[in-house]
Amino acid sequence: MTKKYDIGKQYRAIVIGGSAGSFQPITQLLAAIPKDFPLPIFLALHRLKHVRHGFVEALAIKSQKEISEPHDKESIKRGAVYLAPANYHMAIELGNSISLSTEDLVNNSRPSIDITFDSAAYTYRDKLIGILYSGANKDGALGMRKIKERNGLTIVQDPEDSMINAMPTSALAATKIDYVLTSDEIIDFILQLDKAYRS
């Protein structure tokens, strides 16, 4: 039976984080999102820092939406999908732009999910949806707490559905998460959100 979610039209952006075990469910999510889905999506995914090419193409194989690695200070466009470049932190800034940096690793990671989530929470506040998938460390847990503190909506992949559950489990320990969903349920949530914007 399909779950029904209390979704309004107030949201302005989605941030998604993931690490080990997240690639497949995130590619499935991207494949399911309609081409004209209106909200910008920011992807902070752990990746090999010295491999500059191929990751975007792999994510985009089945996606109906174009996926790009933004430039520093790039303006955010409606409905666009932005992937944090290899070996760069990606932050969402007031004024509708993206900033990139090569500051120190956070949770042994660059890009850091926490940095992307925290900055997006500061920018979008209660109009942000944060989604955290499978991963092997605690990156993203503090970011999810920041989203929750600023009244955004928080979703984690069900640890039992995750290939590696350290990341969603850490988020659940850090704050009260709104929805704990399987990867298929996350897709259904986004499709219901899309339907809300069309009604």
C-alpha atoms as a PDB file:
ATOM      1  CA  MET A   1       0.000   0.000   0.000  1.00  0.00           C
ATOM      2  CA  THR A   2       1.376   3.398  -1.026  1.00  0.00           C
ATOM      3  CA  LYS A   3       2.106   5.792   1.828  1.00  0.00           C
ATOM      4  CA  LYS A   4       0.583   9.241   1.712  1.00  0.00           C
ATOM      5  CA  TYR A   5       2.779  12.142   2.770  1.00  0.00           C
ATOM      6  CA  ASP A   6       1.777  15.528   4.117  1.00  0.00           C
ATOM      7  CA  ILE A   7       3.354  17.555   1.328  1.00  0.00           C
ATOM      8  CA  GLY A   8       2.714  21.170   0.459  1.00  0.00           C
ATOM      9  CA  LYS A   9       4.029  23.478  -2.222  1.00  0.00           C
ATOM     10  CA  GLN A  10       6.216  25.526   0.102  1.00  0.00           C
ATOM     11  CA  TYR A  11       9.502  23.763  -0.677  1.00  0.00           C
ATOM     12  CA  ARG A  12      12.110  25.478  -2.837  1.00  0.00           C
ATOM     13  CA  ALA A  13      15.009  22.991  -2.994  1.00  0.00           C
ATOM     14  CA  ILE A  14      16.157  19.435  -2.275  1.00  0.00           C
ATOM     15  CA  VAL A  15      19.575  18.358  -0.996  1.00  0.00           C
ATOM     16  CA  ILE A  16      20.664  14.735  -1.297  1.00  0.00           C
ATOM     17  CA  GLY A  17      23.675  13.117   0.345  1.00  0.00           C
ATOM     18  CA  GLY A  18      25.149   9.666   0.023  1.00  0.00           C
ATOM     19  CA  SER A  19      28.303   7.604   0.075  1.00  0.00           C
ATOM     20  CA  ALA A  20      29.077   3.889  -0.221  1.00  0.00           C
ATOM     21  CA  GLY A  21      26.003   1.997  -1.375  1.00  0.00           C
ATOM     22  CA  SER A  22      24.081   5.097  -2.452  1.00  0.00           C
ATOM     23  CA  PHE A  23      24.903   5.214  -6.157  1.00  0.00           C
ATOM     24  CA  GLN A  24      22.297   2.715  -7.337  1.00  0.00           C
ATOM     25  CA  PRO A  25      19.314   4.067  -5.368  1.00  0.00           C
ATOM     26  CA  ILE A  26      20.191   7.659  -6.287  1.00  0.00           C
ATOM     27  CA  THR A  27      20.436   6.785  -9.994  1.00  0.00           C
ATOM     28  CA  GLN A  28      17.039   5.095  -9.671  1.00  0.00           C
ATOM     29  CA  LEU A  29      15.647   8.238  -8.057  1.00  0.00           C
ATOM     30  CA  LEU A  30      17.063  10.459 -10.802  1.00  0.00           C
ATOM     31  CA  ALA A  31      15.568   8.152 -13.435  1.00  0.00           C
ATOM     32  CA  ALA A  32      12.127   8.534 -11.856  1.00  0.00           C
ATOM     33  CA  ILE A  33      12.101  12.334 -11.486  1.00  0.00           C
ATOM     34  CA  PRO A  34      10.156  13.987 -14.330  1.00  0.00           C
ATOM     35  CA  LYS A  35      12.081  16.220 -16.703  1.00  0.00           C
ATOM     36  CA  ASP A  36      10.044  19.272 -15.702  1.00  0.00           C
ATOM     37  CA  PHE A  37      10.265  18.727 -11.921  1.00  0.00           C
ATOM     38  CA  PRO A  38      10.443  22.331 -10.667  1.00  0.00           C
ATOM     39  CA  LEU A  39      12.819  22.298  -7.669  1.00  0.00           C
ATOM     40  CA  PRO A  40      16.612  22.525  -7.895  1.00  0.00           C
ATOM     41  CA  ILE A  41      18.380  19.430  -6.545  1.00  0.00           C
ATOM     42  CA  PHE A  42      21.846  19.488  -4.973  1.00  0.00           C
ATOM     43  CA  LEU A  43      23.805  16.220  -4.804  1.00  0.00           C
ATOM     44  CA  ALA A  44      26.646  15.880  -2.296  1.00  0.00           C
ATOM     45  CA  LEU A  45      28.042  12.418  -2.942  1.00  0.00           C
ATOM     46  CA  HIS A  46      31.332  10.987  -1.761  1.00  0.00           C
ATOM     47  CA  ARG A  47      33.486  10.118  -4.774  1.00  0.00           C
ATOM     48  CA  LEU A  48      37.089   9.424  -5.707  1.00  0.00           C
ATOM     49  CA  LYS A  49      38.834  12.793  -5.650  1.00  0.00           C
ATOM     50  CA  HIS A  50      41.258  12.053  -8.497  1.00  0.00           C
ATOM     51  CA  VAL A  51      38.601  10.744 -10.913  1.00  0.00           C
ATOM     52  CA  ARG A  52      37.282  13.846 -12.620  1.00  0.00           C
ATOM     53  CA  HIS A  53      35.302  12.294 -15.456  1.00  0.00           C
ATOM     54  CA  GLY A  54      32.624   9.663 -15.813  1.00  0.00           C
ATOM     55  CA  PHE A  55      30.676  10.143 -12.578  1.00  0.00           C
ATOM     56  CA  VAL A  56      28.217  12.696 -13.970  1.00  0.00           C
ATOM     57  CA  GLU A  57      27.769  10.593 -17.086  1.00  0.00           C
ATOM     58  CA  ALA A  58      27.080   7.473 -15.011  1.00  0.00           C
ATOM     59  CA  LEU A  59      24.468   9.289 -12.904  1.00  0.00           C
ATOM     60  CA  ALA A  60      22.868  10.768 -16.015  1.00  0.00           C
ATOM     61  CA  ILE A  61      22.524   7.566 -18.056  1.00  0.00           C
ATOM     62  CA  LYS A  62      18.869   7.051 -17.115  1.00  0.00           C
ATOM     63  CA  SER A  63      18.055  10.513 -15.783  1.00  0.00           C
ATOM     64  CA  GLN A  64      15.450  12.604 -17.574  1.00  0.00           C
ATOM     65  CA  LYS A  65      17.114  15.729 -16.195  1.00  0.00           C
ATOM     66  CA  GLU A  66      20.505  17.157 -17.088  1.00  0.00           C
ATOM     67  CA  ILE A  67      23.058  16.819 -14.282  1.00  0.00           C
ATOM     68  CA  SER A  68      25.936  19.274 -14.046  1.00  0.00           C
ATOM     69  CA  GLU A  69      28.915  20.064 -11.858  1.00  0.00           C
ATOM     70  CA  PRO A  70      28.553  23.758 -11.046  1.00  0.00           C
ATOM     71  CA  HIS A  71      31.222  26.427 -11.308  1.00  0.00           C
ATOM     72  CA  ASP A  72      32.041  28.633  -8.333  1.00  0.00           C
ATOM     73  CA  LYS A  73      29.447  31.422  -7.938  1.00  0.00           C
ATOM     74  CA  GLU A  74      27.144  29.817 -10.510  1.00  0.00           C
ATOM     75  CA  SER A  75      23.534  31.000 -10.283  1.00  0.00           C
ATOM     76  CA  ILE A  76      20.960  28.391  -9.270  1.00  0.00           C
ATOM     77  CA  LYS A  77      18.355  27.611 -11.911  1.00  0.00           C
ATOM     78  CA  ARG A  78      14.840  26.311 -11.373  1.00  0.00           C
ATOM     79  CA  GLY A  79      14.648  22.532 -11.757  1.00  0.00           C
ATOM     80  CA  ALA A  80      18.397  22.046 -12.284  1.00  0.00           C
ATOM     81  CA  VAL A  81      20.414  19.175 -10.770  1.00  0.00           C
ATOM     82  CA  TYR A  82      23.859  20.069  -9.380  1.00  0.00           C
ATOM     83  CA  LEU A  83      26.515  17.532  -8.382  1.00  0.00           C
ATOM     84  CA  ALA A  84      29.343  18.596  -6.069  1.00  0.00           C
ATOM     85  CA  PRO A  85      32.561  18.308  -8.137  1.00  0.00           C
ATOM     86  CA  ALA A  86      35.261  15.850  -7.127  1.00  0.00           C
ATOM     87  CA  ASN A  87      37.491  17.178  -4.316  1.00  0.00           C
ATOM     88  CA  TYR A  88      35.398  20.335  -3.756  1.00  0.00           C
ATOM     89  CA  HIS A  89      33.012  21.299  -0.997  1.00  0.00           C
ATOM     90  CA  MET A  90      29.759  22.696  -2.401  1.00  0.00           C
ATOM     91  CA  ALA A  91      27.830  25.320  -0.430  1.00  0.00           C
ATOM     92  CA  ILE A  92      24.512  26.972  -1.224  1.00  0.00           C
ATOM     93  CA  GLU A  93      24.654  30.731  -0.712  1.00  0.00           C
ATOM     94  CA  LEU A  94      22.155  33.478  -0.049  1.00  0.00           C
ATOM     95  CA  GLY A  95      21.586  35.312  -3.283  1.00  0.00           C
ATOM     96  CA  ASN A  96      20.760  32.148  -5.230  1.00  0.00           C
ATOM     97  CA  SER A  97      24.267  30.927  -6.029  1.00  0.00           C
ATOM     98  CA  ILE A  98      26.647  28.031  -5.387  1.00  0.00           C
ATOM     99  CA  SER A  99      30.146  28.344  -3.972  1.00  0.00           C
ATOM    100  CA  LEU A 100      32.960  25.800  -4.200  1.00  0.00           C
ATOM    101  CA  SER A 101      35.976  25.471  -1.942  1.00  0.00           C
ATOM    102  CA  THR A 102      38.955  23.238  -1.262  1.00  0.00           C
ATOM    103  CA  GLU A 103      38.981  23.796   2.501  1.00  0.00           C
ATOM    104  CA  ASP A 104      39.997  20.955   4.828  1.00  0.00           C
ATOM    105  CA  LEU A 105      38.253  17.594   4.691  1.00  0.00           C
ATOM    106  CA  VAL A 106      35.170  17.206   6.877  1.00  0.00           C
ATOM    107  CA  ASN A 107      34.505  13.674   8.145  1.00  0.00           C
ATOM    108  CA  ASN A 108      37.444  12.676   5.935  1.00  0.00           C
ATOM    109  CA  SER A 109      35.442  13.852   2.944  1.00  0.00           C
ATOM    110  CA  ARG A 110      35.498  16.537   0.282  1.00  0.00           C
ATOM    111  CA  PRO A 111      32.805  17.121  -0.855  1.00  0.00           C
ATOM    112  CA  SER A 112      31.274  17.129   2.608  1.00  0.00           C
ATOM    113  CA  ILE A 113      27.583  16.353   2.903  1.00  0.00           C
ATOM    114  CA  ASP A 114      27.435  18.329   6.172  1.00  0.00           C
ATOM    115  CA  ILE A 115      28.696  21.508   4.458  1.00  0.00           C
ATOM    116  CA  THR A 116      26.159  21.269   1.628  1.00  0.00           C
ATOM    117  CA  PHE A 117      23.278  20.429   3.983  1.00  0.00           C
ATOM    118  CA  ASP A 118      24.168  23.103   6.562  1.00  0.00           C
ATOM    119  CA  SER A 119      24.531  25.862   3.960  1.00  0.00           C
ATOM    120  CA  ALA A 120      21.296  24.852   2.212  1.00  0.00           C
ATOM    121  CA  ALA A 121      19.474  24.818   5.550  1.00  0.00           C
ATOM    122  CA  TYR A 122      20.732  28.337   6.283  1.00  0.00           C
ATOM    123  CA  THR A 123      19.628  29.539   2.832  1.00  0.00           C
ATOM    124  CA  TYR A 124      16.271  27.780   2.416  1.00  0.00           C
ATOM    125  CA  ARG A 125      15.290  27.179   6.068  1.00  0.00           C
ATOM    126  CA  ASP A 126      11.779  25.629   6.249  1.00  0.00           C
ATOM    127  CA  LYS A 127      11.587  25.423   2.465  1.00  0.00           C
ATOM    128  CA  LEU A 128      14.248  22.698   2.180  1.00  0.00           C
ATOM    129  CA  ILE A 129      13.986  18.913   1.907  1.00  0.00           C
ATOM    130  CA  GLY A 130      17.063  16.916   2.950  1.00  0.00           C
ATOM    131  CA  ILE A 131      17.516  13.270   1.943  1.00  0.00           C
ATOM    132  CA  LEU A 132      20.361  11.077   3.218  1.00  0.00           C
ATOM    133  CA  TYR A 133      21.175   7.691   1.707  1.00  0.00           C
ATOM    134  CA  SER A 134      23.524   4.798   2.471  1.00  0.00           C
ATOM    135  CA  GLY A 135      27.105   5.462   3.560  1.00  0.00           C
ATOM    136  CA  ALA A 136      29.965   4.236   5.720  1.00  0.00           C
ATOM    137  CA  ASN A 137      30.598   7.249   7.961  1.00  0.00           C
ATOM    138  CA  LYS A 138      28.656   9.915   9.855  1.00  0.00           C
ATOM    139  CA  ASP A 139      28.879  12.697   7.260  1.00  0.00           C
ATOM    140  CA  GLY A 140      25.437  14.249   6.820  1.00  0.00           C
ATOM    141  CA  ALA A 141      24.212  13.620  10.378  1.00  0.00           C
ATOM    142  CA  LEU A 142      24.987  17.137  11.614  1.00  0.00           C
ATOM    143  CA  GLY A 143      23.704  18.565   8.346  1.00  0.00           C
ATOM    144  CA  MET A 144      20.383  16.802   8.845  1.00  0.00           C
ATOM    145  CA  ARG A 145      20.211  18.215  12.363  1.00  0.00           C
ATOM    146  CA  LYS A 146      20.724  21.728  10.949  1.00  0.00           C
ATOM    147  CA  ILE A 147      17.923  21.160   8.424  1.00  0.00           C
ATOM    148  CA  LYS A 148      15.641  19.993  11.226  1.00  0.00           C
ATOM    149  CA  GLU A 149      16.587  22.942  13.477  1.00  0.00           C
ATOM    150  CA  ARG A 150      15.597  25.322  10.677  1.00  0.00           C
ATOM    151  CA  ASN A 151      12.276  23.514  10.174  1.00  0.00           C
ATOM    152  CA  GLY A 152      13.132  21.808   6.901  1.00  0.00           C
ATOM    153  CA  LEU A 153      11.871  18.315   6.066  1.00  0.00           C
ATOM    154  CA  THR A 154      14.255  15.403   6.743  1.00  0.00           C
ATOM    155  CA  ILE A 155      14.299  11.963   5.144  1.00  0.00           C
ATOM    156  CA  VAL A 156      16.782   9.118   5.593  1.00  0.00           C
ATOM    157  CA  GLN A 157      17.003   5.835   3.769  1.00  0.00           C
ATOM    158  CA  ASP A 158      15.836   3.067   6.093  1.00  0.00           C
ATOM    159  CA  PRO A 159      19.004   1.529   7.600  1.00  0.00           C
ATOM    160  CA  GLU A 160      17.584  -1.933   6.890  1.00  0.00           C
ATOM    161  CA  ASP A 161      17.215  -0.962   3.223  1.00  0.00           C
ATOM    162  CA  SER A 162      20.723   0.560   3.026  1.00  0.00           C
ATOM    163  CA  MET A 163      23.728  -1.322   1.686  1.00  0.00           C
ATOM    164  CA  ILE A 164      25.851   0.349   4.405  1.00  0.00           C
ATOM    165  CA  ASN A 165      23.785   1.827   7.228  1.00  0.00           C
ATOM    166  CA  ALA A 166      26.289   3.953   9.198  1.00  0.00           C
ATOM    167  CA  MET A 167      25.216   7.208   7.539  1.00  0.00           C
ATOM    168  CA  PRO A 168      21.439   6.968   8.018  1.00  0.00           C
ATOM    169  CA  THR A 169      21.907   5.465  11.495  1.00  0.00           C
ATOM    170  CA  SER A 170      24.123   8.412  12.502  1.00  0.00           C
ATOM    171  CA  ALA A 171      21.501  10.877  11.278  1.00  0.00           C
ATOM    172  CA  LEU A 172      18.789   9.093  13.252  1.00  0.00           C
ATOM    173  CA  ALA A 173      20.959   9.351  16.362  1.00  0.00           C
ATOM    174  CA  ALA A 174      21.644  13.072  15.788  1.00  0.00           C
ATOM    175  CA  THR A 175      18.096  14.370  15.380  1.00  0.00           C
ATOM    176  CA  LYS A 176      14.421  13.435  15.022  1.00  0.00           C
ATOM    177  CA  ILE A 177      14.000  12.513  11.361  1.00  0.00           C
ATOM    178  CA  ASP A 178      10.612  13.123   9.717  1.00  0.00           C
ATOM    179  CA  TYR A 179      10.559  10.080   7.436  1.00  0.00           C
ATOM    180  CA  VAL A 180      12.575   6.833   7.415  1.00  0.00           C
ATOM    181  CA  LEU A 181      11.916   5.355   3.979  1.00  0.00           C
ATOM    182  CA  THR A 182      13.148   2.630   1.666  1.00  0.00           C
ATOM    183  CA  SER A 183      14.709   3.780  -1.609  1.00  0.00           C
ATOM    184  CA  ASP A 184      11.454   2.926  -3.425  1.00  0.00           C
ATOM    185  CA  GLU A 185       9.458   4.965  -0.905  1.00  0.00           C
ATOM    186  CA  ILE A 186      11.792   7.941  -1.407  1.00  0.00           C
ATOM    187  CA  ILE A 187      10.992   7.788  -5.129  1.00  0.00           C
ATOM    188  CA  ASP A 188       7.283   7.670  -4.323  1.00  0.00           C
ATOM    189  CA  PHE A 189       7.661  10.654  -1.980  1.00  0.00           C
ATOM    190  CA  ILE A 190       9.284  12.734  -4.737  1.00  0.00           C
ATOM    191  CA  LEU A 191       6.581  11.739  -7.240  1.00  0.00           C
ATOM    192  CA  GLN A 192       3.884  12.785  -4.755  1.00  0.00           C
ATOM    193  CA  LEU A 193       5.754  16.063  -4.262  1.00  0.00           C
ATOM    194  CA  ASP A 194       5.838  16.579  -8.017  1.00  0.00           C
ATOM    195  CA  LYS A 195       2.095  15.889  -8.183  1.00  0.00           C
ATOM    196  CA  ALA A 196       1.479  18.493  -5.455  1.00  0.00           C
ATOM    197  CA  TYR A 197       3.206  21.145  -7.566  1.00  0.00           C
ATOM    198  CA  ARG A 198       1.063  20.240 -10.553  1.00  0.00           C
ATOM    199  CA  SER A 199      -2.243  20.456  -8.684  1.00  0.00           C
END
